[in-house]
Structure formats: structure tokens, C-alpha cells
PDB file of all heavy atoms in Angstrom:
ATOM      1  N   ARG A   1     -12.262-149.205  52.330  1.00  0.00           N
ATOM      2  CA  ARG A   1     -11.168-148.938  53.359  1.00  0.00           C
ATOM      3  C   ARG A   1     -11.481-147.650  54.140  1.00  0.00           C
ATOM      4  O   ARG A   1     -12.085-146.682  53.553  1.00  0.00           O
ATOM      5  CB  ARG A   1      -9.877-148.783  52.570  1.00  0.00           C
ATOM      6  CG  ARG A   1      -9.806-147.654  51.577  1.00  0.00           C
ATOM      7  CD  ARG A   1      -8.557-147.688  50.684  1.00  0.00           C
ATOM      8  NE  ARG A   1      -8.694-146.775  49.565  1.00  0.00           N
ATOM      9  CZ  ARG A   1      -8.185-145.523  49.646  1.00  0.00           C
ATOM     10  NH1 ARG A   1      -7.515-145.112  50.679  1.00  0.00           N
ATOM     11  NH2 ARG A   1      -8.276-144.747  48.556  1.00  0.00           N
ATOM     12  N   PRO A   2     -11.109-147.531  55.354  1.00  0.00           N
ATOM     13  CA  PRO A   2     -11.285-146.256  56.137  1.00  0.00           C
ATOM     14  C   PRO A   2     -10.285-145.262  55.790  1.00  0.00           C
ATOM     15  O   PRO A   2      -9.054-145.608  55.409  1.00  0.00           O
ATOM     16  CB  PRO A   2     -11.050-146.764  57.565  1.00  0.00           C
ATOM     17  CG  PRO A   2     -10.091-147.980  57.476  1.00  0.00           C
ATOM     18  CD  PRO A   2     -10.498-148.689  56.187  1.00  0.00           C
ATOM     19  N   LEU A   3     -10.779-144.043  55.631  1.00  0.00           N
ATOM     20  CA  LEU A   3      -9.879-142.927  55.318  1.00  0.00           C
ATOM     21  C   LEU A   3      -9.539-142.187  56.600  1.00  0.00           C
ATOM     22  O   LEU A   3      -8.418-141.567  56.743  1.00  0.00           O
ATOM     23  CB  LEU A   3     -10.574-141.983  54.292  1.00  0.00           C
ATOM     24  CG  LEU A   3     -10.836-142.507  52.928  1.00  0.00           C
ATOM     25  CD1 LEU A   3     -11.561-141.477  52.065  1.00  0.00           C
ATOM     26  CD2 LEU A   3      -9.510-142.862  52.306  1.00  0.00           C
ATOM     27  N   VAL A   4     -10.407-142.115  57.561  1.00  0.00           N
ATOM     28  CA  VAL A   4     -10.150-141.593  58.932  1.00  0.00           C
ATOM     29  C   VAL A   4     -10.660-142.628  59.941  1.00  0.00           C
ATOM     30  O   VAL A   4     -11.857-142.945  59.960  1.00  0.00           O
ATOM     31  CB  VAL A   4     -10.842-140.324  59.191  1.00  0.00           C
ATOM     32  CG1 VAL A   4     -10.509-139.710  60.566  1.00  0.00           C
ATOM     33  CG2 VAL A   4     -10.356-139.274  58.114  1.00  0.00           C
ATOM     34  N   ARG A   5      -9.759-143.196  60.698  1.00  0.00           N
ATOM     35  CA  ARG A   5     -10.071-144.381  61.554  1.00  0.00           C
ATOM     36  C   ARG A   5     -10.789-143.990  62.858  1.00  0.00           C
ATOM     37  O   ARG A   5     -11.408-144.799  63.507  1.00  0.00           O
ATOM     38  CB  ARG A   5      -8.834-145.145  61.856  1.00  0.00           C
ATOM     39  CG  ARG A   5      -8.327-145.907  60.626  1.00  0.00           C
ATOM     40  CD  ARG A   5      -7.090-146.805  60.971  1.00  0.00           C
ATOM     41  NE  ARG A   5      -6.648-147.555  59.805  1.00  0.00           N
ATOM     42  CZ  ARG A   5      -7.163-148.823  59.490  1.00  0.00           C
ATOM     43  NH1 ARG A   5      -8.033-149.337  60.364  1.00  0.00           N
ATOM     44  NH2 ARG A   5      -6.803-149.341  58.370  1.00  0.00           N
ATOM     45  N   SER A   6     -10.637-142.769  63.331  1.00  0.00           N
ATOM     46  CA  SER A   6     -11.245-142.312  64.545  1.00  0.00           C
ATOM     47  C   SER A   6     -12.817-142.303  64.467  1.00  0.00           C
ATOM     48  O   SER A   6     -13.322-142.368  63.323  1.00  0.00           O
ATOM     49  CB  SER A   6     -10.782-140.986  64.962  1.00  0.00           C
ATOM     50  OG  SER A   6     -10.982-139.993  63.949  1.00  0.00           O
ATOM     51  N   MET A   7     -13.490-142.182  65.512  1.00  0.00           N
ATOM     52  CA  MET A   7     -15.012-142.265  65.532  1.00  0.00           C
ATOM     53  C   MET A   7     -15.496-140.863  65.832  1.00  0.00           C
ATOM     54  O   MET A   7     -15.125-140.228  66.757  1.00  0.00           O
ATOM     55  CB  MET A   7     -15.451-143.321  66.563  1.00  0.00           C
ATOM     56  CG  MET A   7     -16.981-143.498  66.540  1.00  0.00           C
ATOM     57  SD  MET A   7     -17.549-144.940  67.570  1.00  0.00           S
ATOM     58  CE  MET A   7     -17.336-144.203  69.213  1.00  0.00           C
ATOM     59  N   GLY A   8     -16.563-140.492  65.059  1.00  0.00           N
ATOM     60  CA  GLY A   8     -17.252-139.216  65.333  1.00  0.00           C
ATOM     61  C   GLY A   8     -17.961-139.365  66.687  1.00  0.00           C
ATOM     62  O   GLY A   8     -18.502-140.393  67.053  1.00  0.00           O
ATOM     63  N   GLN A   9     -17.938-138.306  67.434  1.00  0.00           N
ATOM     64  CA  GLN A   9     -18.436-138.318  68.837  1.00  0.00           C
ATOM     65  C   GLN A   9     -19.828-138.823  68.896  1.00  0.00           C
ATOM     66  O   GLN A   9     -20.144-139.639  69.854  1.00  0.00           O
ATOM     67  CB  GLN A   9     -18.351-136.880  69.493  1.00  0.00           C
ATOM     68  CG  GLN A   9     -18.835-136.856  70.902  1.00  0.00           C
ATOM     69  CD  GLN A   9     -18.725-135.479  71.547  1.00  0.00           C
ATOM     70  OE1 GLN A   9     -18.434-134.532  70.825  1.00  0.00           O
ATOM     71  NE2 GLN A   9     -19.049-135.401  72.820  1.00  0.00           N
ATOM     72  N   HIS A  10     -20.776-138.484  68.061  1.00  0.00           N
ATOM     73  CA  HIS A  10     -22.064-138.809  68.163  1.00  0.00           C
ATOM     74  C   HIS A  10     -22.589-139.762  67.048  1.00  0.00           C
ATOM     75  O   HIS A  10     -23.783-139.889  66.825  1.00  0.00           O
ATOM     76  CB  HIS A  10     -23.003-137.553  68.165  1.00  0.00           C
ATOM     77  CG  HIS A  10     -22.682-136.680  69.359  1.00  0.00           C
ATOM     78  ND1 HIS A  10     -22.663-135.387  69.286  1.00  0.00           N
ATOM     79  CD2 HIS A  10     -22.516-137.036  70.723  1.00  0.00           C
ATOM     80  CE1 HIS A  10     -22.457-134.773  70.424  1.00  0.00           C
ATOM     81  NE2 HIS A  10     -22.363-135.806  71.353  1.00  0.00           N
ATOM     82  N   ASP A  11     -21.661-140.294  66.224  1.00  0.00           N
ATOM     83  CA  ASP A  11     -22.022-141.167  65.115  1.00  0.00           C
ATOM     84  C   ASP A  11     -22.851-142.378  65.581  1.00  0.00           C
ATOM     85  O   ASP A  11     -23.927-142.639  64.868  1.00  0.00           O
ATOM     86  CB  ASP A  11     -20.822-141.609  64.265  1.00  0.00           C
ATOM     87  CG  ASP A  11     -20.340-140.498  63.322  1.00  0.00           C
ATOM     88  OD1 ASP A  11     -20.905-139.413  63.310  1.00  0.00           O
ATOM     89  OD2 ASP A  11     -19.377-140.742  62.516  1.00  0.00           O
ATOM     90  N   PRO A  12     -22.571-143.092  66.612  1.00  0.00           N
ATOM     91  CA  PRO A  12     -23.400-144.188  67.019  1.00  0.00           C
ATOM     92  C   PRO A  12     -24.777-143.769  67.389  1.00  0.00           C
ATOM     93  O   PRO A  12     -25.735-144.507  67.078  1.00  0.00           O
ATOM     94  CB  PRO A  12     -22.625-144.845  68.198  1.00  0.00           C
ATOM     95  CG  PRO A  12     -21.211-144.450  67.985  1.00  0.00           C
ATOM     96  CD  PRO A  12     -21.345-143.050  67.362  1.00  0.00           C
ATOM     97  N   LEU A  13     -24.821-142.620  68.059  1.00  0.00           N
ATOM     98  CA  LEU A  13     -26.217-142.110  68.488  1.00  0.00           C
ATOM     99  C   LEU A  13     -26.987-141.763  67.206  1.00  0.00           C
ATOM    100  O   LEU A  13     -28.203-142.127  67.086  1.00  0.00           O
ATOM    101  CB  LEU A  13     -26.013-140.886  69.340  1.00  0.00           C
ATOM    102  CG  LEU A  13     -27.321-140.118  69.646  1.00  0.00           C
ATOM    103  CD1 LEU A  13     -28.216-140.987  70.527  1.00  0.00           C
ATOM    104  CD2 LEU A  13     -26.991-138.742  70.339  1.00  0.00           C
ATOM    105  N   ASP A  14     -26.319-141.157  66.226  1.00  0.00           N
ATOM    106  CA  ASP A  14     -27.026-140.778  64.944  1.00  0.00           C
ATOM    107  C   ASP A  14     -27.577-142.074  64.330  1.00  0.00           C
ATOM    108  O   ASP A  14     -28.712-142.103  63.777  1.00  0.00           O
ATOM    109  CB  ASP A  14     -26.137-140.045  64.034  1.00  0.00           C
ATOM    110  CG  ASP A  14     -25.905-138.627  64.440  1.00  0.00           C
ATOM    111  OD1 ASP A  14     -26.721-138.123  65.225  1.00  0.00           O
ATOM    112  OD2 ASP A  14     -25.066-137.986  63.930  1.00  0.00           O
ATOM    113  N   GLY A  15     -26.726-143.111  64.282  1.00  0.00           N
ATOM    114  CA  GLY A  15     -27.125-144.358  63.674  1.00  0.00           C
ATOM    115  C   GLY A  15     -28.293-144.996  64.410  1.00  0.00           C
ATOM    116  O   GLY A  15     -29.198-145.604  63.797  1.00  0.00           O
ATOM    117  N   TYR A  16     -28.245-144.928  65.709  1.00  0.00           N
ATOM    118  CA  TYR A  16     -29.316-145.520  66.552  1.00  0.00           C
ATOM    119  C   TYR A  16     -30.627-144.936  66.326  1.00  0.00           C
ATOM    120  O   TYR A  16     -31.654-145.528  66.047  1.00  0.00           O
ATOM    121  CB  TYR A  16     -28.930-145.498  67.973  1.00  0.00           C
ATOM    122  CG  TYR A  16     -29.979-146.006  68.973  1.00  0.00           C
ATOM    123  CD1 TYR A  16     -30.257-147.377  69.089  1.00  0.00           C
ATOM    124  CD2 TYR A  16     -30.763-145.148  69.684  1.00  0.00           C
ATOM    125  CE1 TYR A  16     -31.279-147.818  69.955  1.00  0.00           C
ATOM    126  CE2 TYR A  16     -31.756-145.578  70.589  1.00  0.00           C
ATOM    127  CZ  TYR A  16     -31.953-146.969  70.667  1.00  0.00           C
ATOM    128  OH  TYR A  16     -32.924-147.442  71.481  1.00  0.00           O
ATOM    129  N   VAL A  17     -30.621-143.551  66.387  1.00  0.00           N
ATOM    130  CA  VAL A  17     -31.893-142.847  66.176  1.00  0.00           C
ATOM    131  C   VAL A  17     -32.413-142.966  64.826  1.00  0.00           C
ATOM    132  O   VAL A  17     -33.612-143.172  64.556  1.00  0.00           O
ATOM    133  CB  VAL A  17     -31.708-141.349  66.574  1.00  0.00           C
ATOM    134  CG1 VAL A  17     -32.965-140.489  66.407  1.00  0.00           C
ATOM    135  CG2 VAL A  17     -31.348-141.171  68.087  1.00  0.00           C
ATOM    136  N   SER A  18     -31.479-142.847  63.835  1.00  0.00           N
ATOM    137  CA  SER A  18     -31.878-142.999  62.421  1.00  0.00           C
ATOM    138  C   SER A  18     -32.500-144.413  62.093  1.00  0.00           C
ATOM    139  O   SER A  18     -33.482-144.530  61.420  1.00  0.00           O
ATOM    140  CB  SER A  18     -30.730-142.715  61.427  1.00  0.00           C
ATOM    141  OG  SER A  18     -30.288-141.402  61.615  1.00  0.00           O
ATOM    142  N   GLY A  19     -31.876-145.413  62.661  1.00  0.00           N
ATOM    143  CA  GLY A  19     -32.413-146.768  62.494  1.00  0.00           C
ATOM    144  C   GLY A  19     -33.775-146.961  63.090  1.00  0.00           C
ATOM    145  O   GLY A  19     -34.594-147.537  62.469  1.00  0.00           O
ATOM    146  N   ARG A  20     -33.966-146.376  64.281  1.00  0.00           N
ATOM    147  CA  ARG A  20     -35.287-146.538  64.829  1.00  0.00           C
ATOM    148  C   ARG A  20     -36.383-145.682  64.064  1.00  0.00           C
ATOM    149  O   ARG A  20     -37.549-146.102  63.921  1.00  0.00           O
ATOM    150  CB  ARG A  20     -35.240-146.064  66.333  1.00  0.00           C
ATOM    151  CG  ARG A  20     -34.665-147.073  67.258  1.00  0.00           C
ATOM    152  CD  ARG A  20     -34.644-146.622  68.717  1.00  0.00           C
ATOM    153  NE  ARG A  20     -36.027-146.261  69.198  1.00  0.00           N
ATOM    154  CZ  ARG A  20     -36.223-145.846  70.482  1.00  0.00           C
ATOM    155  NH1 ARG A  20     -35.231-145.724  71.315  1.00  0.00           N
ATOM    156  NH2 ARG A  20     -37.435-145.484  70.837  1.00  0.00           N
ATOM    157  N   GLU A  21     -35.948-144.499  63.542  1.00  0.00           N
ATOM    158  CA  GLU A  21     -36.821-143.727  62.728  1.00  0.00           C
ATOM    159  C   GLU A  21     -37.296-144.464  61.465  1.00  0.00           C
ATOM    160  O   GLU A  21     -38.509-144.513  61.149  1.00  0.00           O
ATOM    161  CB  GLU A  21     -36.163-142.464  62.344  1.00  0.00           C
ATOM    162  CG  GLU A  21     -36.975-141.556  61.380  1.00  0.00           C
ATOM    163  CD  GLU A  21     -36.224-140.311  60.808  1.00  0.00           C
ATOM    164  OE1 GLU A  21     -35.217-139.896  61.491  1.00  0.00           O
ATOM    165  OE2 GLU A  21     -36.525-139.884  59.821  1.00  0.00           O
ATOM    166  N   ILE A  22     -36.313-145.115  60.761  1.00  0.00           N
ATOM    167  CA  ILE A  22     -36.693-145.799  59.581  1.00  0.00           C
ATOM    168  C   ILE A  22     -37.518-147.077  59.888  1.00  0.00           C
ATOM    169  O   ILE A  22     -38.473-147.346  59.261  1.00  0.00           O
ATOM    170  CB  ILE A  22     -35.363-146.215  58.820  1.00  0.00           C
ATOM    171  CG1 ILE A  22     -34.630-145.000  58.306  1.00  0.00           C
ATOM    172  CG2 ILE A  22     -35.686-147.227  57.681  1.00  0.00           C
ATOM    173  CD1 ILE A  22     -33.274-145.305  57.852  1.00  0.00           C
ATOM    174  N   GLU A  23     -37.119-147.762  61.062  1.00  0.00           N
ATOM    175  CA  GLU A  23     -37.860-148.902  61.388  1.00  0.00           C
ATOM    176  C   GLU A  23     -39.312-148.583  61.731  1.00  0.00           C
ATOM    177  O   GLU A  23     -40.264-149.362  61.388  1.00  0.00           O
ATOM    178  CB  GLU A  23     -37.158-149.525  62.690  1.00  0.00           C
ATOM    179  CG  GLU A  23     -37.659-150.895  63.150  1.00  0.00           C
ATOM    180  CD  GLU A  23     -36.993-151.312  64.320  1.00  0.00           C
ATOM    181  OE1 GLU A  23     -37.024-150.649  65.355  1.00  0.00           O
ATOM    182  OE2 GLU A  23     -36.332-152.425  64.274  1.00  0.00           O
ATOM    183  N   ALA A  24     -39.584-147.460  62.398  1.00  0.00           N
ATOM    184  CA  ALA A  24     -40.917-146.976  62.741  1.00  0.00           C
ATOM    185  C   ALA A  24     -41.673-146.676  61.425  1.00  0.00           C
ATOM    186  O   ALA A  24     -42.856-147.013  61.307  1.00  0.00           O
ATOM    187  CB  ALA A  24     -40.852-145.763  63.603  1.00  0.00           C
ATOM    188  N   ALA A  25     -40.952-146.099  60.458  1.00  0.00           N
ATOM    189  CA  ALA A  25     -41.684-145.762  59.146  1.00  0.00           C
ATOM    190  C   ALA A  25     -42.084-146.957  58.331  1.00  0.00           C
ATOM    191  O   ALA A  25     -42.976-146.988  57.608  1.00  0.00           O
ATOM    192  CB  ALA A  25     -40.747-144.853  58.315  1.00  0.00           C
ATOM    193  N   TYR A  26     -41.273-148.116  58.548  1.00  0.00           N
ATOM    194  CA  TYR A  26     -41.628-149.300  57.876  1.00  0.00           C
ATOM    195  C   TYR A  26     -43.057-149.807  58.172  1.00  0.00           C
ATOM    196  O   TYR A  26     -43.719-150.376  57.270  1.00  0.00           O
ATOM    197  CB  TYR A  26     -40.761-150.459  58.417  1.00  0.00           C
ATOM    198  CG  TYR A  26     -39.334-150.482  57.692  1.00  0.00           C
ATOM    199  CD1 TYR A  26     -38.366-151.415  58.226  1.00  0.00           C
ATOM    200  CD2 TYR A  26     -38.962-149.685  56.664  1.00  0.00           C
ATOM    201  CE1 TYR A  26     -37.106-151.531  57.570  1.00  0.00           C
ATOM    202  CE2 TYR A  26     -37.617-149.803  56.150  1.00  0.00           C
ATOM    203  CZ  TYR A  26     -36.746-150.668  56.607  1.00  0.00           C
ATOM    204  OH  TYR A  26     -35.479-150.795  56.061  1.00  0.00           O
ATOM    205  N   THR A  27     -43.530-149.499  59.355  1.00  0.00           N
ATOM    206  CA  THR A  27     -44.891-149.936  59.761  1.00  0.00           C
ATOM    207  C   THR A  27     -45.977-149.244  58.890  1.00  0.00           C
ATOM    208  O   THR A  27     -47.059-149.856  58.736  1.00  0.00           O
ATOM    209  CB  THR A  27     -45.158-149.634  61.210  1.00  0.00           C
ATOM    210  OG1 THR A  27     -45.172-148.182  61.455  1.00  0.00           O
ATOM    211  CG2 THR A  27     -44.129-150.288  62.075  1.00  0.00           C
TER     212      THR A  27
END
């Protein structure tokens, strides 16, 4: 369950960059 429903200002950006970083490391 969510404890705080609002969204962090840069959370989607952090997720995007982190996902690409991990994806690149997979190679």
C-alpha cells in the first residue's frame, strides 16, 4: 500500500536513468 501518494519531483527520471544504467551493465 502507498504511505505517501504524491510523486517525488525527479523519481521517474531516477528510474529511467537507473534502468538504462543496469540495462547497459547487463551487456
